[in-house]
Every structure is written in structure tokens, then in C-alpha cells.
Amino acid sequence: MKKILLTLLAAVLIMGAASAQGRKKNIDPSQLPAAATQLIQKHWPSCDISSAYIDGRKEYEVLLTDGCLIEFDLKGNWKEMKCTDGLPVTIVPVFITRYVVNRYPRQLIIDLEKLKGGYEVELTNGLEIQFDLRGNVTHVDD
């Protein structure tokens, strides 16, 4: 009986520790890596940081006053950016901007994610397009 109780107690403690690691912790924006702060200042000069979080010591999430959400790794390199009013053109790789403007001129890029070996974008019409690092379209999902 003691072994069962000890096993259950150990399982509960392990599960509790694992769930605590996955929680977001609110942080002061001054605690963000310099690279993250510089990127925000460069591409969103008229926006302030509304809130910043560290997520289980794996990444930072930053919400800007215009509603944009940016995820960074621990070094401050962006991983994903979401803006319902469209991302700033200055942050999107030029080959992606050209492709979208030429093929979908009335659409905005609302989500940009770095993938291993490329990027994925989502447009305002819900279309998702994947690009390799050379600018070739590798997948379109509508």
C-alpha cells in the first residue's frame, strides 16, 4: 500500500512540475533580450509593448499595443509574428512580399513563421503558403 501511495505522490509531483514549466510568466519588457527589443523598435516604431511573457523558459511572447503578437527564442530571434491588420512590410522577406503582391494583391500577410529551411505565411483570406529560403513556393494550403 505504501508503495502505491508513494508512486502516486511521485506521479503527482512530476506532473505538477511539468505543468509549471509550461506556464507563461509575465515579465517586465526590460527583461527581453536586446535583439527582441531592437526588432520591435525598428519595425513597430510607433507601438509600445503591452505585455511580455516568458513561456516555460523556452520562448518569449510579446503583445504590442496594436495587437500584434511576436514570439522570440531565448536569444531574441523571432520565431513567429501575428498581426490581424497585416505585418509591417519591412519585417517580411522581400521575396515573400513580391510573391504575395503579385499573386494576391488585395491580401495582407497576417502571420509569418520561421520553419526549418524556410517560412510559412498566412494571408487575410486564410491561405497558407510555405517558402524555402531561396524564395521558392514549396506548399500552398487553402
Protein backbone atom coordinates (compact mmCIF):
# COMPACT_ATOMS: atom_id res chain seq x y z
CA MET A 1 0.00 0.00 0.00
CA LYS A 2 2.84 2.40 0.87
CA LYS A 3 4.47 1.72 -2.49
CA ILE A 4 1.27 2.62 -4.31
CA LEU A 5 0.86 5.85 -2.34
CA LEU A 6 4.49 6.81 -2.89
CA THR A 7 4.19 6.07 -6.61
CA LEU A 8 1.02 8.18 -6.86
CA LEU A 9 2.63 11.02 -4.91
CA ALA A 10 5.71 10.93 -7.16
CA ALA A 11 3.49 10.98 -10.26
CA VAL A 12 1.54 13.99 -8.97
CA LEU A 13 4.77 15.86 -8.18
CA ILE A 14 6.23 15.12 -11.61
CA MET A 15 3.02 16.20 -13.37
CA GLY A 16 2.87 19.37 -11.30
CA ALA A 17 6.47 20.27 -12.12
CA ALA A 18 5.90 19.60 -15.81
CA SER A 19 2.79 21.78 -15.95
CA ALA A 20 4.53 24.59 -14.06
CA GLN A 21 7.25 24.65 -16.73
CA GLY A 22 4.64 25.19 -19.46
CA ARG A 23 3.04 28.24 -17.82
CA LYS A 24 3.51 31.77 -19.02
CA LYS A 25 5.10 34.16 -16.58
CA ASN A 26 4.54 37.89 -17.00
CA ILE A 27 7.83 39.79 -17.19
CA ASP A 28 8.87 43.41 -17.45
CA PRO A 29 9.67 44.34 -21.09
CA SER A 30 13.14 45.42 -19.95
CA GLN A 31 13.87 41.73 -19.34
CA LEU A 32 13.54 40.90 -23.04
CA PRO A 33 16.74 40.15 -24.96
CA ALA A 34 18.22 43.19 -26.72
CA ALA A 35 17.64 41.63 -30.15
CA ALA A 36 13.90 41.37 -29.49
CA THR A 37 13.65 44.95 -28.28
CA GLN A 38 15.64 46.23 -31.27
CA LEU A 39 13.42 44.35 -33.73
CA ILE A 40 10.28 45.84 -32.18
CA GLN A 41 11.71 49.36 -32.19
CA LYS A 42 12.80 49.04 -35.82
CA HIS A 43 9.63 47.56 -37.32
CA TRP A 44 6.98 48.88 -34.93
CA PRO A 45 8.39 52.33 -34.04
CA SER A 46 5.02 53.80 -33.06
CA CYS A 47 3.97 50.85 -30.87
CA ASP A 48 4.69 50.07 -27.27
CA ILE A 49 4.89 46.70 -25.60
CA SER A 50 1.57 45.96 -23.96
CA SER A 51 2.76 42.82 -22.19
CA ALA A 52 5.65 40.37 -22.26
CA TYR A 53 5.81 36.78 -21.07
CA ILE A 54 8.34 34.03 -20.77
CA ASP A 55 6.83 30.67 -21.57
CA GLY A 56 8.39 27.81 -19.62
CA ARG A 57 11.92 29.16 -20.14
CA LYS A 58 11.68 28.25 -23.83
CA GLU A 59 10.47 31.41 -25.51
CA TYR A 60 9.22 34.94 -25.06
CA GLU A 61 5.82 36.18 -26.17
CA VAL A 62 5.31 39.90 -26.67
CA LEU A 63 1.99 41.63 -27.25
CA LEU A 64 2.18 45.10 -28.78
CA THR A 65 -0.33 47.90 -28.28
CA ASP A 66 -1.54 47.49 -31.89
CA GLY A 67 -2.48 43.86 -31.15
CA CYS A 68 0.49 42.18 -32.85
CA LEU A 69 1.89 39.11 -31.13
CA ILE A 70 5.55 38.17 -31.58
CA GLU A 71 7.27 35.01 -30.33
CA PHE A 72 11.02 35.04 -29.74
CA ASP A 73 13.50 32.39 -28.75
CA LEU A 74 15.60 32.93 -25.64
CA LYS A 75 18.24 34.83 -27.64
CA GLY A 76 15.67 37.29 -29.01
CA ASN A 77 15.39 35.84 -32.51
CA TRP A 78 11.82 35.99 -33.77
CA LYS A 79 10.02 32.70 -34.36
CA GLU A 80 6.51 33.81 -35.33
CA MET A 81 4.63 37.07 -35.75
CA LYS A 82 0.87 37.59 -35.96
CA CYS A 83 -0.91 40.84 -36.83
CA THR A 84 -4.58 40.86 -37.82
CA ASP A 85 -4.09 44.23 -39.56
CA GLY A 86 -1.10 42.92 -41.52
CA LEU A 87 2.58 42.70 -40.70
CA PRO A 88 4.88 45.63 -41.48
CA VAL A 89 6.33 45.16 -44.96
CA THR A 90 9.78 45.91 -43.55
CA ILE A 91 9.81 42.68 -41.50
CA VAL A 92 8.70 40.29 -44.26
CA PRO A 93 11.42 38.87 -46.54
CA VAL A 94 11.33 40.69 -49.89
CA PHE A 95 10.71 37.54 -51.96
CA ILE A 96 7.61 36.76 -49.91
CA THR A 97 6.27 40.30 -50.24
CA ARG A 98 6.80 40.24 -54.03
CA TYR A 99 5.06 36.89 -54.40
CA VAL A 100 2.04 37.95 -52.33
CA VAL A 101 1.70 41.36 -54.00
CA ASN A 102 1.89 39.78 -57.47
CA ARG A 103 -0.39 36.79 -56.84
CA TYR A 104 -2.75 38.09 -54.13
CA PRO A 105 -2.69 41.90 -54.41
CA ARG A 106 -5.62 42.52 -52.06
CA GLN A 107 -4.36 40.27 -49.29
CA LEU A 108 -2.24 41.13 -46.28
CA ILE A 109 0.26 38.87 -44.55
CA ILE A 110 -1.16 38.34 -41.06
CA ASP A 111 1.12 35.54 -39.85
CA LEU A 112 4.78 34.84 -40.56
CA GLU A 113 6.53 31.84 -39.05
CA LYS A 114 10.09 30.62 -39.40
CA LEU A 115 10.26 26.97 -40.33
CA LYS A 116 13.24 24.71 -40.58
CA GLY A 117 14.53 25.63 -44.02
CA GLY A 118 12.01 28.37 -44.81
CA TYR A 119 8.93 30.33 -43.88
CA GLU A 120 5.17 29.96 -43.71
CA VAL A 121 2.79 32.86 -44.18
CA GLU A 122 -0.93 33.20 -43.70
CA LEU A 123 -2.91 35.75 -45.67
CA THR A 124 -6.09 37.57 -44.66
CA ASN A 125 -8.14 35.16 -46.81
CA GLY A 126 -6.80 32.18 -44.78
CA LEU A 127 -4.44 30.96 -47.49
CA GLU A 128 -1.19 29.49 -46.12
CA ILE A 129 1.94 29.48 -48.25
CA GLN A 130 5.30 27.89 -47.47
CA PHE A 131 8.57 29.14 -48.95
CA ASP A 132 12.07 27.75 -48.85
CA LEU A 133 15.00 30.03 -48.02
CA ARG A 134 15.61 30.74 -51.72
CA GLY A 135 12.11 32.12 -52.20
CA ASN A 136 10.55 29.11 -53.92
CA VAL A 137 6.98 28.21 -53.00
CA THR A 138 7.02 24.70 -51.57
CA HIS A 139 3.39 24.34 -50.48
CA VAL A 140 0.08 26.19 -50.74
CA ASP A 141 -2.78 25.25 -48.41
CA ASP A 142 -6.12 26.94 -48.94
